[in-house]
Structures are given as structure tokens and as C-alpha cells.
Amino acid sequence: MVKPFLMASPIANSKIHEKAMEMAMKLALSEAQRFIGATSPNPPVGAALLDQEGNVLALGAHRRAGKPHAEICALDLWHANNHFRAGA
């Protein structure tokens, strides 16, 4: 069973919120599906990190048992990308 994880923050416009959450859920599920069978005994989990406008900032997945969980992977990717941009 694939489990999506959404890091939700308040999004001002409810129509944007609905669309953003639907898109984020699909992306999180897709990310999790890439690791089916690799995370046992844990389920594969995907995470989507969004900004307040509903834009996807980062995606993450739990890749292997004993490794960081999806939400940590998404935050780490976002952090690494922001440091890269700041240094450019």
C-alpha cells in the first residue's frame, strides 16, 4: 500500500488550494510508487512540500527501510536547492 504525505500550509485561495492539493497528492503518490518493495517493512511514502500559493517546492520519498522518511527527504531537497540558488 502506497501512502502519500502532504505537508500542508494555509493557501489563501480555496480554488488554488483544491487544485494544488490534488496535484500534490498525485505527485506524492507517484513518488512513493517508485519505491514499492524497497521500503519493507515500512510502506512506501511520498511527500510534497508546497508554498502558500500551492506551488510544489520539493518532492521526497521514503526510499529504503532505515533511511530518512519522505517528509525529511522533501525538506532536505528544498534546503539544498535554496542554498544552491542563494550561491548562484
PDB file of N, CA and C in Angstrom:
ATOM      1  N   MET A   1       0.833  -1.184   0.000  1.00  0.00           N
ATOM      2  CA  MET A   1       0.000   0.000   0.000  1.00  0.00           C
ATOM      3  C   MET A   1       0.879   1.250   0.000  1.00  0.00           C
ATOM      4  N   VAL A   2       0.643   2.140  -0.898  1.00  0.00           N
ATOM      5  CA  VAL A   2       1.388   3.389  -1.013  1.00  0.00           C
ATOM      6  C   VAL A   2       0.700   4.439  -0.160  1.00  0.00           C
ATOM      7  N   LYS A   3       1.474   5.191   0.637  1.00  0.00           N
ATOM      8  CA  LYS A   3       0.894   6.236   1.478  1.00  0.00           C
ATOM      9  C   LYS A   3       1.475   7.589   1.097  1.00  0.00           C
ATOM     10  N   PRO A   4       0.628   8.508   0.653  1.00  0.00           N
ATOM     11  CA  PRO A   4       1.117   9.862   0.370  1.00  0.00           C
ATOM     12  C   PRO A   4       1.197  10.664   1.656  1.00  0.00           C
ATOM     13  N   PHE A   5       2.085  11.609   1.676  1.00  0.00           N
ATOM     14  CA  PHE A   5       2.182  12.521   2.812  1.00  0.00           C
ATOM     15  C   PHE A   5       2.229  13.915   2.245  1.00  0.00           C
ATOM     16  N   LEU A   6       1.320  14.757   2.670  1.00  0.00           N
ATOM     17  CA  LEU A   6       1.297  16.138   2.203  1.00  0.00           C
ATOM     18  C   LEU A   6       1.669  17.061   3.336  1.00  0.00           C
ATOM     19  N   MET A   7       2.624  17.922   3.081  1.00  0.00           N
ATOM     20  CA  MET A   7       2.956  18.964   4.041  1.00  0.00           C
ATOM     21  C   MET A   7       2.097  20.154   3.668  1.00  0.00           C
ATOM     22  N   ALA A   8       1.029  20.342   4.379  1.00  0.00           N
ATOM     23  CA  ALA A   8       0.069  21.378   4.014  1.00  0.00           C
ATOM     24  C   ALA A   8       0.303  22.646   4.812  1.00  0.00           C
ATOM     25  N   SER A   9       0.222  23.753   4.121  1.00  0.00           N
ATOM     26  CA  SER A   9       0.255  25.052   4.782  1.00  0.00           C
ATOM     27  C   SER A   9      -0.960  25.816   4.284  1.00  0.00           C
ATOM     28  N   PRO A  10      -1.383  26.825   5.009  1.00  0.00           N
ATOM     29  CA  PRO A  10      -2.563  27.574   4.560  1.00  0.00           C
ATOM     30  C   PRO A  10      -2.338  28.206   3.194  1.00  0.00           C
ATOM     31  N   ILE A  11      -3.276  27.993   2.304  1.00  0.00           N
ATOM     32  CA  ILE A  11      -3.247  28.611   0.981  1.00  0.00           C
ATOM     33  C   ILE A  11      -4.485  29.507   0.923  1.00  0.00           C
ATOM     34  N   ALA A  12      -4.295  30.774   0.623  1.00  0.00           N
ATOM     35  CA  ALA A  12      -5.362  31.764   0.733  1.00  0.00           C
ATOM     36  C   ALA A  12      -6.578  31.447  -0.138  1.00  0.00           C
ATOM     37  N   ASN A  13      -6.383  31.159  -1.388  1.00  0.00           N
ATOM     38  CA  ASN A  13      -7.482  30.944  -2.313  1.00  0.00           C
ATOM     39  C   ASN A  13      -7.902  29.482  -2.289  1.00  0.00           C
ATOM     40  N   SER A  14      -9.168  29.204  -1.950  1.00  0.00           N
ATOM     41  CA  SER A  14      -9.610  27.819  -1.810  1.00  0.00           C
ATOM     42  C   SER A  14      -9.588  27.058  -3.127  1.00  0.00           C
ATOM     43  N   LYS A  15      -9.828  27.743  -4.265  1.00  0.00           N
ATOM     44  CA  LYS A  15      -9.754  27.053  -5.555  1.00  0.00           C
ATOM     45  C   LYS A  15      -8.314  26.654  -5.859  1.00  0.00           C
ATOM     46  N   ILE A  16      -7.377  27.532  -5.565  1.00  0.00           N
ATOM     47  CA  ILE A  16      -5.965  27.184  -5.723  1.00  0.00           C
ATOM     48  C   ILE A  16      -5.632  26.047  -4.771  1.00  0.00           C
ATOM     49  N   HIS A  17      -6.134  26.131  -3.558  1.00  0.00           N
ATOM     50  CA  HIS A  17      -5.871  25.111  -2.555  1.00  0.00           C
ATOM     51  C   HIS A  17      -6.326  23.738  -3.051  1.00  0.00           C
ATOM     52  N   GLU A  18      -7.546  23.632  -3.561  1.00  0.00           N
ATOM     53  CA  GLU A  18      -8.060  22.350  -4.055  1.00  0.00           C
ATOM     54  C   GLU A  18      -7.189  21.798  -5.165  1.00  0.00           C
ATOM     55  N   LYS A  19      -6.900  22.621  -6.150  1.00  0.00           N
ATOM     56  CA  LYS A  19      -6.090  22.170  -7.282  1.00  0.00           C
ATOM     57  C   LYS A  19      -4.678  21.810  -6.839  1.00  0.00           C
ATOM     58  N   ALA A  20      -4.096  22.642  -5.988  1.00  0.00           N
ATOM     59  CA  ALA A  20      -2.736  22.398  -5.518  1.00  0.00           C
ATOM     60  C   ALA A  20      -2.653  21.109  -4.710  1.00  0.00           C
ATOM     61  N   MET A  21      -3.624  20.895  -3.846  1.00  0.00           N
ATOM     62  CA  MET A  21      -3.604  19.692  -3.023  1.00  0.00           C
ATOM     63  C   MET A  21      -3.821  18.444  -3.875  1.00  0.00           C
ATOM     64  N   GLU A  22      -4.697  18.530  -4.861  1.00  0.00           N
ATOM     65  CA  GLU A  22      -4.915  17.393  -5.749  1.00  0.00           C
ATOM     66  C   GLU A  22      -3.642  17.068  -6.531  1.00  0.00           C
ATOM     67  N   MET A  23      -2.995  18.099  -7.075  1.00  0.00           N
ATOM     68  CA  MET A  23      -1.760  17.896  -7.814  1.00  0.00           C
ATOM     69  C   MET A  23      -0.667  17.342  -6.888  1.00  0.00           C
ATOM     70  N   ALA A  24      -0.559  17.903  -5.691  1.00  0.00           N
ATOM     71  CA  ALA A  24       0.457  17.456  -4.745  1.00  0.00           C
ATOM     72  C   ALA A  24       0.231  16.003  -4.339  1.00  0.00           C
ATOM     73  N   MET A  25      -1.021  15.620  -4.152  1.00  0.00           N
ATOM     74  CA  MET A  25      -1.335  14.236  -3.798  1.00  0.00           C
ATOM     75  C   MET A  25      -0.902  13.288  -4.910  1.00  0.00           C
ATOM     76  N   LYS A  26      -1.204  13.654  -6.142  1.00  0.00           N
ATOM     77  CA  LYS A  26      -0.809  12.810  -7.285  1.00  0.00           C
ATOM     78  C   LYS A  26       0.710  12.687  -7.371  1.00  0.00           C
ATOM     79  N   LEU A  27       1.402  13.801  -7.185  1.00  0.00           N
ATOM     80  CA  LEU A  27       2.860  13.776  -7.240  1.00  0.00           C
ATOM     81  C   LEU A  27       3.452  12.951  -6.097  1.00  0.00           C
ATOM     82  N   ALA A  28       2.895  13.088  -4.899  1.00  0.00           N
ATOM     83  CA  ALA A  28       3.380  12.320  -3.745  1.00  0.00           C
ATOM     84  C   ALA A  28       3.156  10.826  -3.970  1.00  0.00           C
ATOM     85  N   LEU A  29       1.991  10.457  -4.499  1.00  0.00           N
ATOM     86  CA  LEU A  29       1.719   9.047  -4.790  1.00  0.00           C
ATOM     87  C   LEU A  29       2.670   8.505  -5.855  1.00  0.00           C
ATOM     88  N   SER A  30       2.895   9.301  -6.877  1.00  0.00           N
ATOM     89  CA  SER A  30       3.809   8.887  -7.945  1.00  0.00           C
ATOM     90  C   SER A  30       5.220   8.683  -7.405  1.00  0.00           C
ATOM     91  N   GLU A  31       5.650   9.599  -6.557  1.00  0.00           N
ATOM     92  CA  GLU A  31       6.990   9.490  -5.952  1.00  0.00           C
ATOM     93  C   GLU A  31       7.084   8.232  -5.089  1.00  0.00           C
ATOM     94  N   ALA A  32       6.046   7.954  -4.315  1.00  0.00           N
ATOM     95  CA  ALA A  32       6.037   6.766  -3.450  1.00  0.00           C
ATOM     96  C   ALA A  32       6.053   5.481  -4.269  1.00  0.00           C
ATOM     97  N   GLN A  33       5.327   5.455  -5.369  1.00  0.00           N
ATOM     98  CA  GLN A  33       5.238   4.245  -6.189  1.00  0.00           C
ATOM     99  C   GLN A  33       6.581   3.819  -6.752  1.00  0.00           C
ATOM    100  N   ARG A  34       7.491   4.752  -6.898  1.00  0.00           N
ATOM    101  CA  ARG A  34       8.831   4.420  -7.414  1.00  0.00           C
ATOM    102  C   ARG A  34       9.585   3.477  -6.475  1.00  0.00           C
ATOM    103  N   PHE A  35       9.164   3.414  -5.195  1.00  0.00           N
ATOM    104  CA  PHE A  35       9.914   2.643  -4.215  1.00  0.00           C
ATOM    105  C   PHE A  35       9.110   1.496  -3.604  1.00  0.00           C
ATOM    106  N   ILE A  36       8.064   1.066  -4.313  1.00  0.00           N
ATOM    107  CA  ILE A  36       7.289  -0.090  -3.837  1.00  0.00           C
ATOM    108  C   ILE A  36       8.217  -1.292  -3.745  1.00  0.00           C
ATOM    109  N   GLY A  37       8.185  -1.955  -2.597  1.00  0.00           N
ATOM    110  CA  GLY A  37       9.012  -3.142  -2.376  1.00  0.00           C
ATOM    111  C   GLY A  37      10.372  -2.841  -1.780  1.00  0.00           C
ATOM    112  N   ALA A  38      10.799  -1.590  -1.813  1.00  0.00           N
ATOM    113  CA  ALA A  38      12.133  -1.231  -1.319  1.00  0.00           C
ATOM    114  C   ALA A  38      12.115  -0.755   0.128  1.00  0.00           C
ATOM    115  N   THR A  39      10.948  -0.492   0.670  1.00  0.00           N
ATOM    116  CA  THR A  39      10.864   0.126   1.996  1.00  0.00           C
ATOM    117  C   THR A  39      10.394  -0.832   3.085  1.00  0.00           C
ATOM    118  N   SER A  40      10.185  -2.082   2.740  1.00  0.00           N
ATOM    119  CA  SER A  40       9.669  -3.065   3.694  1.00  0.00           C
ATOM    120  C   SER A  40      10.566  -3.131   4.934  1.00  0.00           C
ATOM    121  N   PRO A  41      10.002  -3.194   6.104  1.00  0.00           N
ATOM    122  CA  PRO A  41       8.609  -3.454   6.456  1.00  0.00           C
ATOM    123  C   PRO A  41       7.744  -2.188   6.475  1.00  0.00           C
ATOM    124  N   ASN A  42       8.300  -1.042   6.125  1.00  0.00           N
ATOM    125  CA  ASN A  42       7.538   0.209   6.084  1.00  0.00           C
ATOM    126  C   ASN A  42       6.858   0.350   4.728  1.00  0.00           C
ATOM    127  N   PRO A  43       5.745   1.081   4.683  1.00  0.00           N
ATOM    128  CA  PRO A  43       5.106   1.330   3.386  1.00  0.00           C
ATOM    129  C   PRO A  43       5.894   2.386   2.615  1.00  0.00           C
ATOM    130  N   PRO A  44       5.799   2.379   1.281  1.00  0.00           N
ATOM    131  CA  PRO A  44       6.393   3.473   0.520  1.00  0.00           C
ATOM    132  C   PRO A  44       5.566   4.735   0.753  1.00  0.00           C
ATOM    133  N   VAL A  45       6.244   5.844   0.980  1.00  0.00           N
ATOM    134  CA  VAL A  45       5.566   7.108   1.281  1.00  0.00           C
ATOM    135  C   VAL A  45       6.166   8.203   0.420  1.00  0.00           C
ATOM    136  N   GLY A  46       5.318   9.052  -0.127  1.00  0.00           N
ATOM    137  CA  GLY A  46       5.759  10.219  -0.875  1.00  0.00           C
ATOM    138  C   GLY A  46       5.320  11.478  -0.157  1.00  0.00           C
ATOM    139  N   ALA A  47       6.083  12.550  -0.321  1.00  0.00           N
ATOM    140  CA  ALA A  47       5.755  13.826   0.313  1.00  0.00           C
ATOM    141  C   ALA A  47       5.900  14.950  -0.701  1.00  0.00           C
ATOM    142  N   ALA A  48       5.015  15.922  -0.598  1.00  0.00           N
ATOM    143  CA  ALA A  48       5.081  17.119  -1.434  1.00  0.00           C
ATOM    144  C   ALA A  48       5.118  18.332  -0.529  1.00  0.00           C
ATOM    145  N   LEU A  49       6.088  19.189  -0.741  1.00  0.00           N
ATOM    146  CA  LEU A  49       6.226  20.430   0.022  1.00  0.00           C
ATOM    147  C   LEU A  49       5.751  21.566  -0.880  1.00  0.00           C
ATOM    148  N   LEU A  50       4.754  22.321  -0.407  1.00  0.00           N
ATOM    149  CA  LEU A  50       4.158  23.400  -1.198  1.00  0.00           C
ATOM    150  C   LEU A  50       4.392  24.747  -0.542  1.00  0.00           C
ATOM    151  N   ASP A  51       4.402  25.801  -1.377  1.00  0.00           N
ATOM    152  CA  ASP A  51       4.420  27.146  -0.810  1.00  0.00           C
ATOM    153  C   ASP A  51       2.986  27.614  -0.594  1.00  0.00           C
ATOM    154  N   GLN A  52       2.817  28.842  -0.151  1.00  0.00           N
ATOM    155  CA  GLN A  52       1.485  29.340   0.172  1.00  0.00           C
ATOM    156  C   GLN A  52       0.592  29.546  -1.051  1.00  0.00           C
ATOM    157  N   GLU A  53       1.178  29.619  -2.227  1.00  0.00           N
ATOM    158  CA  GLU A  53       0.390  29.741  -3.449  1.00  0.00           C
ATOM    159  C   GLU A  53       0.059  28.381  -4.043  1.00  0.00           C
ATOM    160  N   GLY A  54       0.560  27.313  -3.447  1.00  0.00           N
ATOM    161  CA  GLY A  54       0.285  25.973  -3.934  1.00  0.00           C
ATOM    162  C   GLY A  54       1.312  25.434  -4.906  1.00  0.00           C
ATOM    163  N   ASN A  55       2.415  26.152  -5.093  1.00  0.00           N
ATOM    164  CA  ASN A  55       3.479  25.676  -5.967  1.00  0.00           C
ATOM    165  C   ASN A  55       4.285  24.592  -5.254  1.00  0.00           C
ATOM    166  N   VAL A  56       4.672  23.563  -6.000  1.00  0.00           N
ATOM    167  CA  VAL A  56       5.479  22.490  -5.432  1.00  0.00           C
ATOM    168  C   VAL A  56       6.905  22.983  -5.277  1.00  0.00           C
ATOM    169  N   LEU A  57       7.399  22.930  -4.049  1.00  0.00           N
ATOM    170  CA  LEU A  57       8.772  23.329  -3.755  1.00  0.00           C
ATOM    171  C   LEU A  57       9.722  22.147  -3.836  1.00  0.00           C
ATOM    172  N   ALA A  58       9.251  20.976  -3.426  1.00  0.00           N
ATOM    173  CA  ALA A  58      10.094  19.783  -3.433  1.00  0.00           C
ATOM    174  C   ALA A  58       9.231  18.546  -3.243  1.00  0.00           C
ATOM    175  N   LEU A  59       9.730  17.427  -3.752  1.00  0.00           N
ATOM    176  CA  LEU A  59       9.114  16.120  -3.554  1.00  0.00           C
ATOM    177  C   LEU A  59      10.120  15.221  -2.857  1.00  0.00           C
ATOM    178  N   GLY A  60       9.617  14.324  -2.048  1.00  0.00           N
ATOM    179  CA  GLY A  60      10.501  13.376  -1.384  1.00  0.00           C
ATOM    180  C   GLY A  60       9.822  12.027  -1.289  1.00  0.00           C
ATOM    181  N   ALA A  61      10.621  11.007  -1.028  1.00  0.00           N
ATOM    182  CA  ALA A  61      10.096   9.652  -0.864  1.00  0.00           C
ATOM    183  C   ALA A  61      10.938   8.902   0.140  1.00  0.00           C
ATOM    184  N   HIS A  62      10.278   7.998   0.844  1.00  0.00           N
ATOM    185  CA  HIS A  62      10.987   7.055   1.707  1.00  0.00           C
ATOM    186  C   HIS A  62      11.525   5.988   0.774  1.00  0.00           C
ATOM    187  N   ARG A  63      12.848   5.933   0.619  1.00  0.00           N
ATOM    188  CA  ARG A  63      13.461   5.084  -0.408  1.00  0.00           C
ATOM    189  C   ARG A  63      13.810   3.681   0.070  1.00  0.00           C
ATOM    190  N   ARG A  64      14.236   3.551   1.311  1.00  0.00           N
ATOM    191  CA  ARG A  64      14.632   2.254   1.869  1.00  0.00           C
ATOM    192  C   ARG A  64      14.365   2.263   3.365  1.00  0.00           C
ATOM    193  N   ALA A  65      14.077   1.074   3.913  1.00  0.00           N
ATOM    194  CA  ALA A  65      13.904   0.948   5.361  1.00  0.00           C
ATOM    195  C   ALA A  65      15.181   1.416   6.046  1.00  0.00           C
ATOM    196  N   GLY A  66      15.014   2.175   7.106  1.00  0.00           N
ATOM    197  CA  GLY A  66      16.167   2.681   7.846  1.00  0.00           C
ATOM    198  C   GLY A  66      16.725   3.988   7.313  1.00  0.00           C
ATOM    199  N   LYS A  67      16.228   4.440   6.206  1.00  0.00           N
ATOM    200  CA  LYS A  67      16.670   5.709   5.609  1.00  0.00           C
ATOM    201  C   LYS A  67      15.664   6.799   5.964  1.00  0.00           C
ATOM    202  N   PRO A  68      16.008   8.068   5.713  1.00  0.00           N
ATOM    203  CA  PRO A  68      15.088   9.162   6.051  1.00  0.00           C
ATOM    204  C   PRO A  68      13.710   8.988   5.405  1.00  0.00           C
ATOM    205  N   HIS A  69      12.712   9.444   6.128  1.00  0.00           N
ATOM    206  CA  HIS A  69      11.345   9.360   5.637  1.00  0.00           C
ATOM    207  C   HIS A  69      11.083  10.436   4.593  1.00  0.00           C
ATOM    208  N   ALA A  70       9.967  10.305   3.899  1.00  0.00           N
ATOM    209  CA  ALA A  70       9.634  11.145   2.749  1.00  0.00           C
ATOM    210  C   ALA A  70       9.657  12.633   3.062  1.00  0.00           C
ATOM    211  N   GLU A  71       9.061  13.009   4.185  1.00  0.00           N
ATOM    212  CA  GLU A  71       8.984  14.433   4.509  1.00  0.00           C
ATOM    213  C   GLU A  71      10.368  15.029   4.761  1.00  0.00           C
ATOM    214  N   ILE A  72      11.259  14.252   5.364  1.00  0.00           N
ATOM    215  CA  ILE A  72      12.639  14.713   5.587  1.00  0.00           C
ATOM    216  C   ILE A  72      13.359  14.855   4.257  1.00  0.00           C
ATOM    217  N   CYS A  73      13.154  13.904   3.355  1.00  0.00           N
ATOM    218  CA  CYS A  73      13.773  13.978   2.025  1.00  0.00           C
ATOM    219  C   CYS A  73      13.302  15.220   1.267  1.00  0.00           C
ATOM    220  N   ALA A  74      12.005  15.524   1.353  1.00  0.00           N
ATOM    221  CA  ALA A  74      11.476  16.717   0.674  1.00  0.00           C
ATOM    222  C   ALA A  74      12.079  17.984   1.269  1.00  0.00           C
ATOM    223  N   LEU A  75      12.147  18.048   2.588  1.00  0.00           N
ATOM    224  CA  LEU A  75      12.742  19.228   3.229  1.00  0.00           C
ATOM    225  C   LEU A  75      14.224  19.359   2.904  1.00  0.00           C
ATOM    226  N   ASP A  76      14.944  18.238   2.892  1.00  0.00           N
ATOM    227  CA  ASP A  76      16.378  18.266   2.554  1.00  0.00           C
ATOM    228  C   ASP A  76      16.596  18.752   1.125  1.00  0.00           C
ATOM    229  N   LEU A  77      15.765  18.281   0.196  1.00  0.00           N
ATOM    230  CA  LEU A  77      15.884  18.704  -1.206  1.00  0.00           C
ATOM    231  C   LEU A  77      15.599  20.196  -1.338  1.00  0.00           C
ATOM    232  N   TRP A  78      14.531  20.653  -0.684  1.00  0.00           N
ATOM    233  CA  TRP A  78      14.201  22.075  -0.712  1.00  0.00           C
ATOM    234  C   TRP A  78      15.355  22.909  -0.141  1.00  0.00           C
ATOM    235  N   HIS A  79      15.906  22.461   0.962  1.00  0.00           N
ATOM    236  CA  HIS A  79      17.011  23.171   1.603  1.00  0.00           C
ATOM    237  C   HIS A  79      18.231  23.219   0.683  1.00  0.00           C
ATOM    238  N   ALA A  80      18.575  22.090   0.086  1.00  0.00           N
ATOM    239  CA  ALA A  80      19.729  22.040  -0.821  1.00  0.00           C
ATOM    240  C   ALA A  80      19.511  22.946  -2.032  1.00  0.00           C
ATOM    241  N   ASN A  81      18.303  22.952  -2.590  1.00  0.00           N
ATOM    242  CA  ASN A  81      18.018  23.801  -3.755  1.00  0.00           C
ATOM    243  C   ASN A  81      18.083  25.275  -3.392  1.00  0.00           C
ATOM    244  N   ASN A  82      17.620  25.638  -2.219  1.00  0.00           N
ATOM    245  CA  ASN A  82      17.661  27.037  -1.805  1.00  0.00           C
ATOM    246  C   ASN A  82      19.082  27.508  -1.561  1.00  0.00           C
ATOM    247  N   HIS A  83      19.929  26.650  -1.016  1.00  0.00           N
ATOM    248  CA  HIS A  83      21.337  27.018  -0.824  1.00  0.00           C
ATOM    249  C   HIS A  83      22.036  27.159  -2.164  1.00  0.00           C
ATOM    250  N   PHE A  84      21.689  26.283  -3.114  1.00  0.00           N
ATOM    251  CA  PHE A  84      22.284  26.342  -4.435  1.00  0.00           C
ATOM    252  C   PHE A  84      21.916  27.661  -5.116  1.00  0.00           C
ATOM    253  N   ARG A  85      20.624  28.030  -5.041  1.00  0.00           N
ATOM    254  CA  ARG A  85      20.171  29.275  -5.658  1.00  0.00           C
ATOM    255  C   ARG A  85      20.802  30.494  -4.993  1.00  0.00           C
ATOM    256  N   ALA A  86      20.932  30.433  -3.668  1.00  0.00           N
ATOM    257  CA  ALA A  86      21.499  31.557  -2.933  1.00  0.00           C
ATOM    258  C   ALA A  86      22.951  31.784  -3.322  1.00  0.00           C
ATOM    259  N   GLY A  87      23.664  30.702  -3.660  1.00  0.00           N
ATOM    260  CA  GLY A  87      25.079  30.808  -4.022  1.00  0.00           C
ATOM    261  C   GLY A  87      25.311  31.143  -5.479  1.00  0.00           C
ATOM    262  N   ALA A  88      24.245  31.109  -6.278  1.00  0.00           N
ATOM    263  CA  ALA A  88      24.412  31.337  -7.724  1.00  0.00           C
ATOM    264  C   ALA A  88      24.638  32.804  -8.031  1.00  0.00           C
TER     265      ALA A  88
END
